Amino acid sequence: MSQSAEGHAALLRELAGAGAGALAERMQIVVTEAGPGRVVATMPVEGNTQPYGLLHGGANAVLAESLGSIAGGIHAGPGRMVVGVDLSCTHHRGARSGLVTGVATPLHEGQTVATYSITITDDGGHLLCTARLTCLIRKLSGG
């Protein structure tokens, strides 16, 4: 395995060990695929609904930002971190049950800024939400 491949594998293990964060854990987001160019996760509708029983738009936003941030972390690599600076979500359709699946793919991955497109679909493959997340890439402080 090359040195860069070893570094990438170590970063993926680190991200997997850290999980997607406390909020994502509370919302039962499960990352099913994570690598350069593509991050995929699922989230149940149940427990993440608004008062009318539909998937909450904020839940879509949490899923989208979680996926984009993981993708950004993979791109940034060891010793760097990402911080979301802009998130936009368009909600196309509601869901009342089942799992939703989010897929993040890069639109731009630079040295200081990365932007991701995230699509969220229901069990039937219907598009529920499209989102875009822009992240700032920073060096980790050595504290």
N, C-alpha and C. Protein backbone atom coordinates (compact mmCIF):
# COMPACT_ATOMS: atom_id res chain seq x y z
N MET A 1 0.86 -1.17 0.00
CA MET A 1 0.00 0.00 0.00
C MET A 1 0.90 1.23 0.00
N SER A 2 0.63 2.20 -0.86
CA SER A 2 1.44 3.41 -0.93
C SER A 2 1.25 4.25 0.33
N GLN A 3 2.20 5.19 0.55
CA GLN A 3 2.10 6.04 1.73
C GLN A 3 0.80 6.85 1.72
N SER A 4 0.40 7.40 0.55
CA SER A 4 -0.84 8.18 0.50
C SER A 4 -2.05 7.28 0.71
N ALA A 5 -2.00 6.06 0.18
CA ALA A 5 -3.11 5.11 0.40
C ALA A 5 -3.20 4.73 1.87
N GLU A 6 -2.03 4.56 2.53
CA GLU A 6 -2.03 4.25 3.96
C GLU A 6 -2.62 5.42 4.76
N GLY A 7 -2.25 6.65 4.39
CA GLY A 7 -2.79 7.83 5.06
C GLY A 7 -4.29 7.94 4.88
N HIS A 8 -4.77 7.65 3.66
CA HIS A 8 -6.20 7.70 3.38
C HIS A 8 -6.93 6.64 4.20
N ALA A 9 -6.38 5.42 4.26
CA ALA A 9 -7.01 4.35 5.02
C ALA A 9 -7.06 4.71 6.50
N ALA A 10 -5.99 5.33 7.02
CA ALA A 10 -5.96 5.74 8.43
C ALA A 10 -7.01 6.81 8.70
N LEU A 11 -7.16 7.75 7.77
CA LEU A 11 -8.16 8.81 7.94
C LEU A 11 -9.57 8.22 7.95
N LEU A 12 -9.85 7.28 7.05
CA LEU A 12 -11.17 6.65 7.03
C LEU A 12 -11.44 5.90 8.34
N ARG A 13 -10.42 5.23 8.88
CA ARG A 13 -10.59 4.54 10.17
C ARG A 13 -10.88 5.55 11.27
N GLU A 14 -10.17 6.69 11.24
CA GLU A 14 -10.38 7.74 12.24
C GLU A 14 -11.80 8.30 12.15
N LEU A 15 -12.26 8.59 10.93
CA LEU A 15 -13.62 9.11 10.76
C LEU A 15 -14.65 8.08 11.20
N ALA A 16 -14.42 6.81 10.87
CA ALA A 16 -15.36 5.76 11.27
C ALA A 16 -15.40 5.63 12.79
N GLY A 17 -14.23 5.72 13.44
CA GLY A 17 -14.17 5.61 14.88
C GLY A 17 -14.84 6.78 15.58
N ALA A 18 -14.70 7.97 15.00
CA ALA A 18 -15.29 9.16 15.60
C ALA A 18 -16.78 9.24 15.33
N GLY A 19 -17.24 8.54 14.32
CA GLY A 19 -18.64 8.62 13.95
C GLY A 19 -18.94 9.94 13.27
N ALA A 20 -20.20 10.22 13.06
CA ALA A 20 -20.60 11.44 12.37
C ALA A 20 -20.92 12.56 13.34
N GLY A 21 -20.73 12.32 14.63
CA GLY A 21 -20.98 13.35 15.64
C GLY A 21 -22.21 13.01 16.48
N ALA A 22 -22.32 13.69 17.61
CA ALA A 22 -23.39 13.41 18.57
C ALA A 22 -24.78 13.65 17.99
N LEU A 23 -24.95 14.74 17.24
CA LEU A 23 -26.26 15.02 16.67
C LEU A 23 -26.64 13.96 15.64
N ALA A 24 -25.71 13.61 14.78
CA ALA A 24 -25.97 12.59 13.77
C ALA A 24 -26.28 11.25 14.44
N GLU A 25 -25.59 10.96 15.52
CA GLU A 25 -25.85 9.72 16.26
C GLU A 25 -27.26 9.74 16.84
N ARG A 26 -27.64 10.87 17.42
CA ARG A 26 -28.99 11.01 18.00
C ARG A 26 -30.07 10.81 16.93
N MET A 27 -29.77 11.24 15.70
CA MET A 27 -30.73 11.14 14.61
C MET A 27 -30.64 9.80 13.87
N GLN A 28 -29.76 8.93 14.38
CA GLN A 28 -29.58 7.58 13.86
C GLN A 28 -29.06 7.56 12.42
N ILE A 29 -28.19 8.51 12.11
CA ILE A 29 -27.54 8.53 10.79
C ILE A 29 -26.45 7.47 10.78
N VAL A 30 -26.47 6.62 9.75
CA VAL A 30 -25.50 5.54 9.61
C VAL A 30 -24.76 5.73 8.29
N VAL A 31 -23.45 5.93 8.36
CA VAL A 31 -22.64 6.06 7.16
C VAL A 31 -22.43 4.66 6.59
N THR A 32 -22.79 4.49 5.32
CA THR A 32 -22.67 3.17 4.68
C THR A 32 -21.54 3.12 3.67
N GLU A 33 -21.05 4.27 3.24
CA GLU A 33 -19.95 4.33 2.28
C GLU A 33 -19.24 5.67 2.47
N ALA A 34 -17.92 5.64 2.53
CA ALA A 34 -17.16 6.88 2.67
C ALA A 34 -15.82 6.73 1.99
N GLY A 35 -15.61 7.53 0.98
CA GLY A 35 -14.35 7.53 0.26
C GLY A 35 -14.24 8.78 -0.56
N PRO A 36 -13.09 8.99 -1.18
CA PRO A 36 -12.93 10.18 -2.02
C PRO A 36 -13.99 10.21 -3.11
N GLY A 37 -14.69 11.31 -3.23
CA GLY A 37 -15.68 11.46 -4.29
C GLY A 37 -17.09 11.02 -3.98
N ARG A 38 -17.29 10.35 -2.83
CA ARG A 38 -18.65 9.87 -2.54
C ARG A 38 -18.77 9.44 -1.08
N VAL A 39 -19.79 10.00 -0.41
CA VAL A 39 -20.13 9.58 0.95
C VAL A 39 -21.63 9.33 0.98
N VAL A 40 -22.03 8.19 1.54
CA VAL A 40 -23.44 7.77 1.57
C VAL A 40 -23.83 7.43 3.00
N ALA A 41 -25.04 7.82 3.39
CA ALA A 41 -25.56 7.47 4.72
C ALA A 41 -27.07 7.36 4.66
N THR A 42 -27.61 6.64 5.64
CA THR A 42 -29.06 6.51 5.77
C THR A 42 -29.49 7.14 7.09
N MET A 43 -30.79 7.47 7.15
CA MET A 43 -31.40 8.04 8.36
C MET A 43 -32.86 7.62 8.37
N PRO A 44 -33.37 7.18 9.52
CA PRO A 44 -34.79 6.82 9.57
C PRO A 44 -35.67 8.06 9.59
N VAL A 45 -36.84 7.94 8.99
CA VAL A 45 -37.82 9.03 9.08
C VAL A 45 -38.38 9.06 10.50
N GLU A 46 -38.70 7.89 11.04
CA GLU A 46 -39.26 7.81 12.38
C GLU A 46 -38.31 8.44 13.39
N GLY A 47 -38.85 9.32 14.22
CA GLY A 47 -38.06 10.02 15.21
C GLY A 47 -37.48 11.33 14.71
N ASN A 48 -37.60 11.59 13.41
CA ASN A 48 -37.04 12.80 12.80
C ASN A 48 -38.12 13.56 12.03
N THR A 49 -39.33 13.59 12.59
CA THR A 49 -40.46 14.21 11.89
C THR A 49 -40.88 15.53 12.53
N GLN A 50 -41.64 16.28 11.75
CA GLN A 50 -42.25 17.52 12.26
C GLN A 50 -43.67 17.18 12.74
N PRO A 51 -44.42 18.13 13.30
CA PRO A 51 -45.72 17.82 13.91
C PRO A 51 -46.75 17.14 13.00
N TYR A 52 -46.63 17.28 11.68
CA TYR A 52 -47.59 16.67 10.76
C TYR A 52 -47.16 15.27 10.32
N GLY A 53 -46.09 14.75 10.91
CA GLY A 53 -45.66 13.39 10.61
C GLY A 53 -44.74 13.25 9.41
N LEU A 54 -44.35 14.37 8.83
CA LEU A 54 -43.41 14.34 7.69
C LEU A 54 -41.98 14.49 8.19
N LEU A 55 -41.03 13.95 7.43
CA LEU A 55 -39.62 14.14 7.74
C LEU A 55 -39.35 15.63 7.88
N HIS A 56 -38.74 16.03 8.96
CA HIS A 56 -38.46 17.43 9.24
C HIS A 56 -37.40 17.95 8.27
N GLY A 57 -37.61 19.14 7.74
CA GLY A 57 -36.63 19.75 6.85
C GLY A 57 -35.28 19.92 7.52
N GLY A 58 -35.29 20.19 8.81
CA GLY A 58 -34.04 20.31 9.56
C GLY A 58 -33.30 18.99 9.64
N ALA A 59 -34.03 17.88 9.63
CA ALA A 59 -33.38 16.56 9.62
C ALA A 59 -32.65 16.37 8.29
N ASN A 60 -33.28 16.79 7.19
CA ASN A 60 -32.59 16.74 5.90
C ASN A 60 -31.32 17.57 5.95
N ALA A 61 -31.38 18.74 6.58
CA ALA A 61 -30.22 19.61 6.67
C ALA A 61 -29.10 18.97 7.49
N VAL A 62 -29.46 18.31 8.59
CA VAL A 62 -28.46 17.63 9.41
C VAL A 62 -27.80 16.50 8.61
N LEU A 63 -28.60 15.72 7.91
CA LEU A 63 -28.04 14.64 7.09
C LEU A 63 -27.11 15.22 6.02
N ALA A 64 -27.55 16.26 5.34
CA ALA A 64 -26.74 16.87 4.28
C ALA A 64 -25.44 17.42 4.84
N GLU A 65 -25.50 18.17 5.93
CA GLU A 65 -24.26 18.76 6.47
C GLU A 65 -23.33 17.69 7.01
N SER A 66 -23.89 16.65 7.60
CA SER A 66 -23.06 15.55 8.09
C SER A 66 -22.30 14.89 6.94
N LEU A 67 -22.99 14.59 5.86
CA LEU A 67 -22.35 13.94 4.72
C LEU A 67 -21.31 14.83 4.07
N GLY A 68 -21.65 16.10 3.86
CA GLY A 68 -20.69 17.02 3.24
C GLY A 68 -19.47 17.23 4.11
N SER A 69 -19.67 17.28 5.42
CA SER A 69 -18.54 17.46 6.33
C SER A 69 -17.62 16.24 6.33
N ILE A 70 -18.19 15.06 6.28
CA ILE A 70 -17.37 13.84 6.21
C ILE A 70 -16.59 13.84 4.90
N ALA A 71 -17.27 14.17 3.80
CA ALA A 71 -16.59 14.23 2.49
C ALA A 71 -15.46 15.25 2.54
N GLY A 72 -15.72 16.40 3.15
CA GLY A 72 -14.69 17.42 3.28
C GLY A 72 -13.52 16.97 4.12
N GLY A 73 -13.81 16.23 5.19
CA GLY A 73 -12.75 15.70 6.04
C GLY A 73 -11.87 14.71 5.30
N ILE A 74 -12.49 13.88 4.47
CA ILE A 74 -11.72 12.94 3.66
C ILE A 74 -10.81 13.70 2.70
N HIS A 75 -11.37 14.71 2.04
CA HIS A 75 -10.59 15.51 1.11
C HIS A 75 -9.48 16.27 1.83
N ALA A 76 -9.77 16.89 2.96
CA ALA A 76 -8.79 17.71 3.68
C ALA A 76 -7.60 16.88 4.14
N GLY A 77 -7.86 15.68 4.60
CA GLY A 77 -6.79 14.80 5.03
C GLY A 77 -6.32 15.05 6.46
N PRO A 78 -5.34 14.26 6.89
CA PRO A 78 -4.84 14.35 8.27
C PRO A 78 -4.28 15.73 8.58
N GLY A 79 -4.49 16.17 9.81
CA GLY A 79 -3.95 17.44 10.28
C GLY A 79 -4.76 18.65 9.86
N ARG A 80 -5.88 18.41 9.17
CA ARG A 80 -6.74 19.52 8.76
C ARG A 80 -8.17 19.19 9.15
N MET A 81 -8.99 20.21 9.25
CA MET A 81 -10.40 20.04 9.61
C MET A 81 -11.26 20.87 8.67
N VAL A 82 -12.55 20.57 8.65
CA VAL A 82 -13.48 21.35 7.83
C VAL A 82 -14.56 21.94 8.72
N VAL A 83 -15.03 23.12 8.31
CA VAL A 83 -16.11 23.80 9.01
C VAL A 83 -17.11 24.24 7.95
N GLY A 84 -18.36 23.84 8.09
CA GLY A 84 -19.39 24.27 7.16
C GLY A 84 -19.63 25.76 7.28
N VAL A 85 -19.62 26.46 6.14
CA VAL A 85 -19.86 27.91 6.17
C VAL A 85 -21.12 28.31 5.41
N ASP A 86 -21.66 27.41 4.59
CA ASP A 86 -22.89 27.73 3.86
C ASP A 86 -23.61 26.43 3.53
N LEU A 87 -24.88 26.36 3.89
CA LEU A 87 -25.72 25.20 3.60
C LEU A 87 -27.03 25.69 3.01
N SER A 88 -27.39 25.16 1.87
CA SER A 88 -28.72 25.47 1.31
C SER A 88 -29.41 24.15 0.99
N CYS A 89 -30.69 24.09 1.31
CA CYS A 89 -31.49 22.88 1.09
C CYS A 89 -32.77 23.24 0.37
N THR A 90 -33.12 22.47 -0.64
CA THR A 90 -34.41 22.60 -1.29
C THR A 90 -35.16 21.30 -1.06
N HIS A 91 -36.34 21.40 -0.46
CA HIS A 91 -37.15 20.23 -0.13
C HIS A 91 -38.18 20.03 -1.24
N HIS A 92 -38.11 18.87 -1.89
CA HIS A 92 -38.95 18.61 -3.05
C HIS A 92 -40.18 17.76 -2.73
N ARG A 93 -40.07 16.94 -1.71
CA ARG A 93 -41.13 15.97 -1.43
C ARG A 93 -41.01 15.54 0.03
N GLY A 94 -42.10 15.14 0.62
CA GLY A 94 -42.09 14.68 2.01
C GLY A 94 -41.98 13.17 2.10
N ALA A 95 -41.64 12.69 3.29
CA ALA A 95 -41.61 11.26 3.58
C ALA A 95 -42.22 11.06 4.96
N ARG A 96 -42.98 9.97 5.12
CA ARG A 96 -43.64 9.68 6.39
C ARG A 96 -43.07 8.44 7.09
N SER A 97 -42.32 7.62 6.36
CA SER A 97 -41.81 6.39 6.97
C SER A 97 -40.59 5.91 6.18
N GLY A 98 -39.96 4.89 6.74
CA GLY A 98 -38.83 4.26 6.06
C GLY A 98 -37.51 4.94 6.34
N LEU A 99 -36.55 4.62 5.48
CA LEU A 99 -35.23 5.21 5.57
C LEU A 99 -35.04 6.18 4.41
N VAL A 100 -34.30 7.24 4.66
CA VAL A 100 -33.87 8.10 3.57
C VAL A 100 -32.38 7.89 3.40
N THR A 101 -31.91 8.11 2.18
CA THR A 101 -30.50 7.92 1.86
C THR A 101 -29.95 9.21 1.29
N GLY A 102 -28.84 9.64 1.85
CA GLY A 102 -28.15 10.84 1.36
C GLY A 102 -26.85 10.45 0.67
N VAL A 103 -26.55 11.14 -0.42
CA VAL A 103 -25.31 10.91 -1.17
C VAL A 103 -24.64 12.25 -1.40
N ALA A 104 -23.40 12.38 -0.94
CA ALA A 104 -22.62 13.60 -1.14
C ALA A 104 -21.55 13.35 -2.19
N THR A 105 -21.46 14.27 -3.15
CA THR A 105 -20.42 14.22 -4.17
C THR A 105 -19.81 15.61 -4.30
N PRO A 106 -18.53 15.69 -4.66
CA PRO A 106 -17.88 17.00 -4.72
C PRO A 106 -18.30 17.81 -5.94
N LEU A 107 -18.45 19.11 -5.72
CA LEU A 107 -18.59 20.06 -6.82
C LEU A 107 -17.26 20.78 -7.02
N HIS A 108 -16.54 21.02 -5.90
CA HIS A 108 -15.22 21.66 -5.94
C HIS A 108 -14.46 21.23 -4.70
N GLU A 109 -13.21 20.82 -4.88
CA GLU A 109 -12.37 20.47 -3.74
C GLU A 109 -11.02 21.17 -3.91
N GLY A 110 -10.87 22.30 -3.22
CA GLY A 110 -9.63 23.07 -3.28
C GLY A 110 -8.83 22.92 -2.01
N GLN A 111 -7.81 23.77 -1.87
CA GLN A 111 -6.96 23.74 -0.69
C GLN A 111 -7.63 24.37 0.54
N THR A 112 -8.48 25.37 0.31
CA THR A 112 -9.09 26.08 1.44
C THR A 112 -10.61 26.03 1.47
N VAL A 113 -11.22 25.66 0.35
CA VAL A 113 -12.69 25.59 0.25
C VAL A 113 -13.08 24.33 -0.51
N ALA A 114 -14.11 23.66 -0.01
CA ALA A 114 -14.67 22.50 -0.71
C ALA A 114 -16.19 22.64 -0.69
N THR A 115 -16.82 22.30 -1.82
CA THR A 115 -18.27 22.39 -1.94
C THR A 115 -18.82 21.05 -2.41
N TYR A 116 -19.91 20.63 -1.78
CA TYR A 116 -20.51 19.32 -2.07
C TYR A 116 -21.98 19.45 -2.43
N SER A 117 -22.41 18.59 -3.34
CA SER A 117 -23.81 18.44 -3.68
C SER A 117 -24.31 17.21 -2.93
N ILE A 118 -25.45 17.33 -2.28
CA ILE A 118 -26.02 16.22 -1.53
C ILE A 118 -27.45 16.00 -2.00
N THR A 119 -27.76 14.77 -2.37
CA THR A 119 -29.13 14.40 -2.72
C THR A 119 -29.66 13.45 -1.66
N ILE A 120 -30.92 13.62 -1.32
CA ILE A 120 -31.57 12.76 -0.34
C ILE A 120 -32.80 12.15 -0.99
N THR A 121 -32.88 10.82 -0.96
CA THR A 121 -33.99 10.10 -1.58
C THR A 121 -34.66 9.18 -0.57
N ASP A 122 -35.91 8.79 -0.88
CA ASP A 122 -36.63 7.86 -0.01
C ASP A 122 -36.38 6.43 -0.47
N ASP A 123 -37.04 5.47 0.22
CA ASP A 123 -36.87 4.05 -0.11
C ASP A 123 -37.23 3.73 -1.56
N GLY A 124 -38.13 4.50 -2.14
CA GLY A 124 -38.55 4.26 -3.52
C GLY A 124 -37.68 4.97 -4.54
N GLY A 125 -36.63 5.67 -4.08
CA GLY A 125 -35.75 6.38 -4.99
C GLY A 125 -36.24 7.76 -5.38
N HIS A 126 -37.34 8.22 -4.77
CA HIS A 126 -37.87 9.56 -5.07
C HIS A 126 -36.99 10.62 -4.43
N LEU A 127 -36.71 11.68 -5.16
CA LEU A 127 -35.89 12.78 -4.66
C LEU A 127 -36.68 13.58 -3.63
N LEU A 128 -36.14 13.67 -2.42
CA LEU A 128 -36.79 14.43 -1.34
C LEU A 128 -36.16 15.81 -1.17
N CYS A 129 -34.84 15.87 -1.31
CA CYS A 129 -34.12 17.11 -1.00
C CYS A 129 -32.82 17.16 -1.80
N THR A 130 -32.49 18.35 -2.28
CA THR A 130 -31.16 18.60 -2.82
C THR A 130 -30.53 19.68 -1.95
N ALA A 131 -29.26 19.52 -1.68
CA ALA A 131 -28.56 20.46 -0.81
C ALA A 131 -27.17 20.74 -1.37
N ARG A 132 -26.61 21.85 -0.93
CA ARG A 132 -25.24 22.20 -1.26
C ARG A 132 -24.58 22.70 0.01
N LEU A 133 -23.40 22.16 0.31
CA LEU A 133 -22.64 22.56 1.48
C LEU A 133 -21.26 23.04 1.04
N THR A 134 -20.88 24.22 1.53
CA THR A 134 -19.53 24.73 1.31
C THR A 134 -18.81 24.71 2.65
N CYS A 135 -17.60 24.15 2.64
CA CYS A 135 -16.78 24.02 3.84
C CYS A 135 -15.48 24.79 3.70
N LEU A 136 -15.05 25.38 4.78
CA LEU A 136 -13.75 26.01 4.87
C LEU A 136 -12.79 24.95 5.43
N ILE A 137 -11.62 24.82 4.83
CA ILE A 137 -10.62 23.85 5.26
C ILE A 137 -9.54 24.59 6.05
N ARG A 138 -9.30 24.12 7.26
CA ARG A 138 -8.34 24.76 8.15
C ARG A 138 -7.35 23.73 8.69
N LYS A 139 -6.17 24.20 9.08
CA LYS A 139 -5.22 23.34 9.78
C LYS A 139 -5.71 23.15 11.21
N LEU A 140 -5.55 21.94 11.71
CA LEU A 140 -5.85 21.70 13.13
C LEU A 140 -4.82 22.43 13.98
N SER A 141 -5.29 23.06 15.04
CA SER A 141 -4.33 23.71 15.95
C SER A 141 -3.69 22.62 16.79
N GLY A 142 -2.44 22.78 17.07
CA GLY A 142 -1.70 21.77 17.83
C GLY A 142 -1.80 22.02 19.32
N GLY A 143 -2.93 21.73 19.90
CA GLY A 143 -3.11 22.08 21.30
C GLY A 143 -3.12 20.98 22.18
